[in-house]
Amino acid sequence: MSSTYEHLLTPQLLDSRLKLHMVLQFLAYPQLTVSSSGLSERLRESPWEIAEAFEELAACGLLQRIAGDGPAHYRLGVLIEHQELLNMLVEAFNDPFKRDQIYTRVREAQHERRFYAWLATDARAGSMSGLVIS
């Protein structure tokens, strides 16, 4: 797998299948502007999970939040440094073999993110009681 677009498949960026599919939707339809409920219908996912993913994708610059009356809407807001990497990701995603590799890397990023979240929670609690090192 190309190490160029792999930089996007990390915790805090594209670290879930949902985020990957959301970004791919926006790349397939660059003029798309949609709310969490609108994309929820399109992707058949929970609007709350979509809303959370929207916030995270906007925070890292992959999407842009458009505030207005009513619910927030989002559109592609890719920073220049991400544009070429996203184009490579889309091209690779169209290859079934590379798509499997991408899903594997996204799954690894999701596990890594969950581990860091658990570690931060455990550190705030002041113990490492759940950590087993062998």
N, C-alpha and C. Protein backbone atom coordinates (compact mmCIF):
# COMPACT_ATOMS: atom_id res chain seq x y z
N MET A 1 0.86 -1.17 0.00
CA MET A 1 0.00 0.00 0.00
C MET A 1 0.90 1.23 0.00
N SER A 2 0.53 2.21 -0.74
CA SER A 2 1.30 3.44 -0.84
C SER A 2 1.36 4.16 0.50
N SER A 3 2.57 4.50 0.91
CA SER A 3 2.72 5.19 2.20
C SER A 3 2.25 6.63 2.11
N THR A 4 1.97 7.11 0.92
CA THR A 4 1.54 8.50 0.79
C THR A 4 0.16 8.72 1.39
N TYR A 5 -0.82 7.94 0.99
CA TYR A 5 -2.17 8.15 1.53
C TYR A 5 -2.36 7.44 2.87
N GLU A 6 -1.41 6.61 3.26
CA GLU A 6 -1.47 5.94 4.56
C GLU A 6 -1.49 6.95 5.70
N HIS A 7 -0.92 8.13 5.47
CA HIS A 7 -0.89 9.17 6.50
C HIS A 7 -2.29 9.62 6.88
N LEU A 8 -3.25 9.40 6.01
CA LEU A 8 -4.64 9.77 6.31
C LEU A 8 -5.34 8.70 7.15
N LEU A 9 -4.81 7.49 7.12
CA LEU A 9 -5.45 6.36 7.80
C LEU A 9 -4.85 6.17 9.18
N THR A 10 -4.99 7.19 10.00
CA THR A 10 -4.40 7.22 11.34
C THR A 10 -5.43 7.70 12.34
N PRO A 11 -5.17 7.46 13.63
CA PRO A 11 -6.08 7.99 14.65
C PRO A 11 -6.23 9.51 14.49
N GLN A 12 -7.43 9.99 14.71
CA GLN A 12 -7.82 11.39 14.61
C GLN A 12 -8.05 11.85 13.17
N LEU A 13 -7.76 11.03 12.18
CA LEU A 13 -8.10 11.37 10.80
C LEU A 13 -9.14 10.36 10.32
N LEU A 14 -8.76 9.46 9.44
CA LEU A 14 -9.70 8.45 8.95
C LEU A 14 -9.48 7.17 9.74
N ASP A 15 -10.06 7.14 10.94
CA ASP A 15 -9.85 6.03 11.85
C ASP A 15 -11.10 5.18 12.06
N SER A 16 -12.03 5.25 11.13
CA SER A 16 -13.21 4.37 11.18
C SER A 16 -13.76 4.22 9.77
N ARG A 17 -14.46 3.11 9.56
CA ARG A 17 -15.08 2.90 8.25
C ARG A 17 -16.08 4.01 7.95
N LEU A 18 -16.78 4.47 8.99
CA LEU A 18 -17.77 5.52 8.80
C LEU A 18 -17.11 6.79 8.27
N LYS A 19 -16.03 7.21 8.89
CA LYS A 19 -15.33 8.42 8.43
C LYS A 19 -14.81 8.24 7.01
N LEU A 20 -14.27 7.07 6.73
CA LEU A 20 -13.78 6.78 5.38
C LEU A 20 -14.90 6.90 4.37
N HIS A 21 -16.04 6.28 4.65
CA HIS A 21 -17.17 6.33 3.72
C HIS A 21 -17.73 7.74 3.59
N MET A 22 -17.72 8.50 4.68
CA MET A 22 -18.20 9.88 4.62
C MET A 22 -17.31 10.71 3.70
N VAL A 23 -16.01 10.62 3.88
CA VAL A 23 -15.09 11.39 3.05
C VAL A 23 -15.18 10.95 1.59
N LEU A 24 -15.32 9.66 1.35
CA LEU A 24 -15.47 9.17 -0.02
C LEU A 24 -16.74 9.72 -0.67
N GLN A 25 -17.82 9.86 0.10
CA GLN A 25 -19.05 10.46 -0.43
C GLN A 25 -18.80 11.90 -0.88
N PHE A 26 -18.11 12.66 -0.05
CA PHE A 26 -17.83 14.05 -0.39
C PHE A 26 -16.88 14.15 -1.58
N LEU A 27 -15.95 13.22 -1.70
CA LEU A 27 -15.04 13.25 -2.84
C LEU A 27 -15.74 12.83 -4.12
N ALA A 28 -16.71 11.94 -4.02
CA ALA A 28 -17.48 11.52 -5.20
C ALA A 28 -18.42 12.63 -5.66
N TYR A 29 -18.89 13.42 -4.71
CA TYR A 29 -19.82 14.53 -5.00
C TYR A 29 -19.26 15.80 -4.37
N PRO A 30 -18.26 16.44 -5.00
CA PRO A 30 -17.56 17.58 -4.39
C PRO A 30 -18.46 18.77 -4.04
N GLN A 31 -19.59 18.92 -4.67
CA GLN A 31 -20.49 20.04 -4.37
C GLN A 31 -21.48 19.71 -3.26
N LEU A 32 -21.41 18.51 -2.72
CA LEU A 32 -22.34 18.06 -1.69
C LEU A 32 -22.22 18.91 -0.43
N THR A 33 -23.35 19.40 0.05
CA THR A 33 -23.47 20.08 1.33
C THR A 33 -24.63 19.42 2.04
N VAL A 34 -24.37 18.84 3.23
CA VAL A 34 -25.39 18.00 3.85
C VAL A 34 -25.28 18.06 5.38
N SER A 35 -26.41 17.81 6.02
CA SER A 35 -26.44 17.73 7.49
C SER A 35 -26.23 16.28 7.91
N SER A 36 -26.11 16.08 9.22
CA SER A 36 -25.90 14.71 9.70
C SER A 36 -27.11 13.83 9.41
N SER A 37 -28.32 14.39 9.51
CA SER A 37 -29.50 13.57 9.22
C SER A 37 -29.58 13.23 7.73
N GLY A 38 -29.18 14.16 6.87
CA GLY A 38 -29.18 13.90 5.43
C GLY A 38 -28.20 12.81 5.03
N LEU A 39 -27.00 12.87 5.60
CA LEU A 39 -26.01 11.85 5.27
C LEU A 39 -26.34 10.53 5.94
N SER A 40 -27.03 10.61 7.07
CA SER A 40 -27.46 9.40 7.77
C SER A 40 -28.37 8.56 6.88
N GLU A 41 -29.27 9.21 6.19
CA GLU A 41 -30.17 8.50 5.27
C GLU A 41 -29.40 7.88 4.12
N ARG A 42 -28.40 8.59 3.64
CA ARG A 42 -27.62 8.14 2.50
C ARG A 42 -26.74 6.93 2.86
N LEU A 43 -26.12 6.99 4.04
CA LEU A 43 -25.19 5.93 4.44
C LEU A 43 -25.81 4.86 5.34
N ARG A 44 -27.07 5.07 5.73
CA ARG A 44 -27.77 4.13 6.61
C ARG A 44 -27.03 3.95 7.95
N GLU A 45 -26.62 5.07 8.52
CA GLU A 45 -25.92 5.08 9.81
C GLU A 45 -26.67 5.98 10.77
N SER A 46 -26.38 5.84 12.04
CA SER A 46 -27.01 6.66 13.08
C SER A 46 -26.65 8.13 12.89
N PRO A 47 -27.63 9.03 12.97
CA PRO A 47 -27.32 10.46 12.82
C PRO A 47 -26.39 10.98 13.92
N TRP A 48 -26.41 10.36 15.10
CA TRP A 48 -25.53 10.78 16.19
C TRP A 48 -24.09 10.40 15.89
N GLU A 49 -23.90 9.22 15.34
CA GLU A 49 -22.54 8.81 14.95
C GLU A 49 -22.03 9.67 13.81
N ILE A 50 -22.92 9.99 12.87
CA ILE A 50 -22.56 10.86 11.75
C ILE A 50 -22.17 12.24 12.28
N ALA A 51 -22.96 12.79 13.20
CA ALA A 51 -22.69 14.12 13.76
C ALA A 51 -21.33 14.15 14.46
N GLU A 52 -21.03 13.10 15.23
CA GLU A 52 -19.74 13.03 15.92
C GLU A 52 -18.59 12.94 14.91
N ALA A 53 -18.76 12.13 13.89
CA ALA A 53 -17.72 11.99 12.86
C ALA A 53 -17.56 13.30 12.09
N PHE A 54 -18.67 14.01 11.82
CA PHE A 54 -18.59 15.31 11.16
C PHE A 54 -17.71 16.26 11.95
N GLU A 55 -17.94 16.34 13.26
CA GLU A 55 -17.16 17.25 14.11
C GLU A 55 -15.68 16.90 14.06
N GLU A 56 -15.36 15.61 14.11
CA GLU A 56 -13.97 15.18 14.09
C GLU A 56 -13.32 15.45 12.73
N LEU A 57 -14.06 15.23 11.66
CA LEU A 57 -13.51 15.49 10.32
C LEU A 57 -13.34 16.98 10.07
N ALA A 58 -14.23 17.79 10.63
CA ALA A 58 -14.09 19.24 10.50
C ALA A 58 -12.91 19.74 11.33
N ALA A 59 -12.70 19.15 12.50
CA ALA A 59 -11.60 19.57 13.37
C ALA A 59 -10.24 19.32 12.72
N CYS A 60 -10.13 18.27 11.92
CA CYS A 60 -8.85 17.98 11.27
C CYS A 60 -8.74 18.59 9.88
N GLY A 61 -9.77 19.30 9.44
CA GLY A 61 -9.68 20.04 8.18
C GLY A 61 -10.13 19.30 6.94
N LEU A 62 -10.63 18.08 7.08
CA LEU A 62 -11.08 17.36 5.89
C LEU A 62 -12.45 17.84 5.42
N LEU A 63 -13.28 18.28 6.36
CA LEU A 63 -14.59 18.84 6.02
C LEU A 63 -14.69 20.24 6.61
N GLN A 64 -15.63 21.01 6.08
CA GLN A 64 -15.87 22.36 6.56
C GLN A 64 -17.28 22.46 7.10
N ARG A 65 -17.41 23.02 8.29
CA ARG A 65 -18.72 23.19 8.94
C ARG A 65 -19.32 24.51 8.47
N ILE A 66 -20.59 24.45 8.08
CA ILE A 66 -21.31 25.65 7.66
C ILE A 66 -22.42 25.87 8.67
N ALA A 67 -22.25 26.91 9.48
CA ALA A 67 -23.24 27.22 10.50
C ALA A 67 -24.33 28.09 9.90
N GLY A 68 -25.52 27.91 10.38
CA GLY A 68 -26.65 28.69 9.91
C GLY A 68 -27.85 28.40 10.78
N ASP A 69 -28.99 28.80 10.31
CA ASP A 69 -30.22 28.47 11.04
C ASP A 69 -30.46 26.97 10.93
N GLY A 70 -30.81 26.37 12.03
CA GLY A 70 -31.08 24.93 12.04
C GLY A 70 -29.81 24.13 12.24
N PRO A 71 -29.84 22.86 11.84
CA PRO A 71 -28.68 21.99 12.06
C PRO A 71 -27.49 22.40 11.17
N ALA A 72 -26.31 22.10 11.65
CA ALA A 72 -25.09 22.40 10.90
C ALA A 72 -25.03 21.55 9.64
N HIS A 73 -24.48 22.13 8.61
CA HIS A 73 -24.24 21.41 7.36
C HIS A 73 -22.73 21.36 7.14
N TYR A 74 -22.31 20.39 6.35
CA TYR A 74 -20.89 20.20 6.10
C TYR A 74 -20.66 20.03 4.61
N ARG A 75 -19.46 20.42 4.21
CA ARG A 75 -19.04 20.23 2.82
C ARG A 75 -17.55 19.93 2.82
N LEU A 76 -17.07 19.52 1.67
CA LEU A 76 -15.66 19.21 1.53
C LEU A 76 -14.86 20.48 1.79
N GLY A 77 -13.92 20.40 2.69
CA GLY A 77 -13.11 21.56 3.03
C GLY A 77 -11.66 21.16 3.12
N VAL A 78 -11.22 20.41 2.18
CA VAL A 78 -9.91 19.79 2.23
C VAL A 78 -8.79 20.83 2.15
N LEU A 79 -7.86 20.69 3.07
CA LEU A 79 -6.66 21.51 3.02
C LEU A 79 -5.83 21.06 1.83
N ILE A 80 -5.09 21.98 1.26
CA ILE A 80 -4.30 21.69 0.06
C ILE A 80 -3.38 20.48 0.26
N GLU A 81 -2.77 20.38 1.44
CA GLU A 81 -1.83 19.27 1.66
C GLU A 81 -2.53 17.91 1.68
N HIS A 82 -3.83 17.88 1.93
CA HIS A 82 -4.57 16.61 1.93
C HIS A 82 -5.15 16.25 0.56
N GLN A 83 -5.30 17.22 -0.32
CA GLN A 83 -6.00 16.99 -1.59
C GLN A 83 -5.37 15.88 -2.42
N GLU A 84 -4.07 15.94 -2.62
CA GLU A 84 -3.40 14.92 -3.43
C GLU A 84 -3.49 13.54 -2.77
N LEU A 85 -3.33 13.52 -1.45
CA LEU A 85 -3.42 12.24 -0.73
C LEU A 85 -4.81 11.64 -0.85
N LEU A 86 -5.84 12.47 -0.77
CA LEU A 86 -7.22 11.98 -0.91
C LEU A 86 -7.48 11.46 -2.32
N ASN A 87 -6.93 12.14 -3.32
CA ASN A 87 -7.09 11.65 -4.69
C ASN A 87 -6.44 10.28 -4.86
N MET A 88 -5.27 10.10 -4.25
CA MET A 88 -4.60 8.79 -4.29
C MET A 88 -5.42 7.74 -3.55
N LEU A 89 -6.02 8.13 -2.43
CA LEU A 89 -6.85 7.21 -1.66
C LEU A 89 -8.05 6.74 -2.47
N VAL A 90 -8.71 7.67 -3.16
CA VAL A 90 -9.87 7.31 -3.98
C VAL A 90 -9.45 6.35 -5.08
N GLU A 91 -8.34 6.63 -5.72
CA GLU A 91 -7.85 5.75 -6.79
C GLU A 91 -7.54 4.36 -6.25
N ALA A 92 -6.89 4.29 -5.10
CA ALA A 92 -6.57 3.00 -4.50
C ALA A 92 -7.82 2.27 -4.05
N PHE A 93 -8.80 3.01 -3.55
CA PHE A 93 -10.04 2.40 -3.05
C PHE A 93 -10.80 1.69 -4.17
N ASN A 94 -10.60 2.12 -5.40
CA ASN A 94 -11.28 1.49 -6.53
C ASN A 94 -10.69 0.13 -6.90
N ASP A 95 -9.51 -0.18 -6.39
CA ASP A 95 -8.88 -1.49 -6.61
C ASP A 95 -9.28 -2.40 -5.45
N PRO A 96 -9.95 -3.53 -5.72
CA PRO A 96 -10.44 -4.40 -4.64
C PRO A 96 -9.35 -4.87 -3.67
N PHE A 97 -8.17 -5.20 -4.18
CA PHE A 97 -7.08 -5.65 -3.31
C PHE A 97 -6.62 -4.51 -2.39
N LYS A 98 -6.43 -3.35 -2.97
CA LYS A 98 -5.99 -2.20 -2.17
C LYS A 98 -7.09 -1.76 -1.20
N ARG A 99 -8.34 -1.93 -1.61
CA ARG A 99 -9.46 -1.58 -0.72
C ARG A 99 -9.40 -2.42 0.55
N ASP A 100 -9.11 -3.71 0.41
CA ASP A 100 -8.97 -4.57 1.59
C ASP A 100 -7.83 -4.08 2.49
N GLN A 101 -6.73 -3.67 1.88
CA GLN A 101 -5.61 -3.13 2.65
C GLN A 101 -6.01 -1.84 3.37
N ILE A 102 -6.77 -1.01 2.70
CA ILE A 102 -7.23 0.25 3.30
C ILE A 102 -8.12 -0.05 4.49
N TYR A 103 -9.07 -0.98 4.33
CA TYR A 103 -9.95 -1.34 5.45
C TYR A 103 -9.14 -1.91 6.63
N THR A 104 -8.12 -2.69 6.33
CA THR A 104 -7.27 -3.22 7.40
C THR A 104 -6.57 -2.10 8.14
N ARG A 105 -6.05 -1.15 7.40
CA ARG A 105 -5.34 -0.01 8.03
C ARG A 105 -6.31 0.86 8.84
N VAL A 106 -7.52 1.05 8.34
CA VAL A 106 -8.53 1.84 9.07
C VAL A 106 -8.89 1.12 10.37
N ARG A 107 -9.04 -0.20 10.30
CA ARG A 107 -9.35 -0.98 11.50
C ARG A 107 -8.22 -0.87 12.53
N GLU A 108 -6.98 -0.91 12.06
CA GLU A 108 -5.83 -0.75 12.96
C GLU A 108 -5.83 0.64 13.60
N ALA A 109 -6.15 1.66 12.82
CA ALA A 109 -6.20 3.03 13.35
C ALA A 109 -7.31 3.17 14.38
N GLN A 110 -8.43 2.49 14.14
CA GLN A 110 -9.54 2.53 15.09
C GLN A 110 -9.14 1.86 16.42
N HIS A 111 -8.47 0.72 16.33
CA HIS A 111 -8.00 0.04 17.55
C HIS A 111 -7.00 0.91 18.30
N GLU A 112 -6.11 1.55 17.56
CA GLU A 112 -5.11 2.42 18.18
C GLU A 112 -5.78 3.60 18.88
N ARG A 113 -6.77 4.17 18.24
CA ARG A 113 -7.49 5.29 18.85
C ARG A 113 -8.20 4.86 20.13
N ARG A 114 -8.85 3.70 20.08
CA ARG A 114 -9.53 3.19 21.28
C ARG A 114 -8.54 2.93 22.41
N PHE A 115 -7.36 2.41 22.08
CA PHE A 115 -6.35 2.17 23.10
C PHE A 115 -5.92 3.48 23.75
N TYR A 116 -5.64 4.50 22.94
CA TYR A 116 -5.23 5.80 23.50
C TYR A 116 -6.34 6.41 24.34
N ALA A 117 -7.59 6.25 23.92
CA ALA A 117 -8.71 6.76 24.71
C ALA A 117 -8.80 6.03 26.05
N TRP A 118 -8.64 4.71 26.01
CA TRP A 118 -8.66 3.93 27.25
C TRP A 118 -7.51 4.34 28.15
N LEU A 119 -6.32 4.51 27.57
CA LEU A 119 -5.14 4.89 28.34
C LEU A 119 -5.34 6.25 29.00
N ALA A 120 -5.90 7.21 28.27
CA ALA A 120 -6.15 8.54 28.83
C ALA A 120 -7.17 8.47 29.96
N THR A 121 -8.21 7.68 29.78
CA THR A 121 -9.23 7.53 30.82
C THR A 121 -8.64 6.87 32.06
N ASP A 122 -7.85 5.84 31.84
CA ASP A 122 -7.23 5.12 32.96
C ASP A 122 -6.23 6.02 33.69
N ALA A 123 -5.49 6.84 32.95
CA ALA A 123 -4.52 7.74 33.57
C ALA A 123 -5.23 8.80 34.42
N ARG A 124 -6.38 9.27 33.93
CA ARG A 124 -7.16 10.25 34.71
C ARG A 124 -7.69 9.60 35.98
N ALA A 125 -7.99 8.32 35.91
CA ALA A 125 -8.49 7.61 37.09
C ALA A 125 -7.36 7.33 38.07
N GLY A 126 -6.12 7.45 37.61
CA GLY A 126 -4.97 7.31 38.50
C GLY A 126 -4.48 5.90 38.70
N SER A 127 -4.85 5.00 37.82
CA SER A 127 -4.36 3.63 37.99
C SER A 127 -4.12 2.99 36.64
N MET A 128 -3.38 1.94 36.70
CA MET A 128 -3.14 1.13 35.51
C MET A 128 -3.59 -0.29 35.80
N SER A 129 -4.65 -0.44 36.59
CA SER A 129 -5.10 -1.75 37.04
C SER A 129 -5.53 -2.66 35.91
N GLY A 130 -6.03 -2.10 34.81
CA GLY A 130 -6.51 -2.94 33.72
C GLY A 130 -5.44 -3.33 32.74
N LEU A 131 -4.23 -2.81 32.90
CA LEU A 131 -3.15 -3.07 31.97
C LEU A 131 -2.40 -4.33 32.37
N VAL A 132 -2.30 -5.26 31.44
CA VAL A 132 -1.58 -6.50 31.69
C VAL A 132 -0.44 -6.56 30.70
N ILE A 133 0.77 -6.66 31.22
CA ILE A 133 1.95 -6.74 30.37
C ILE A 133 2.56 -8.11 30.58
N SER A 134 2.79 -8.79 29.47
CA SER A 134 3.39 -10.13 29.60
C SER A 134 4.68 -10.20 28.85
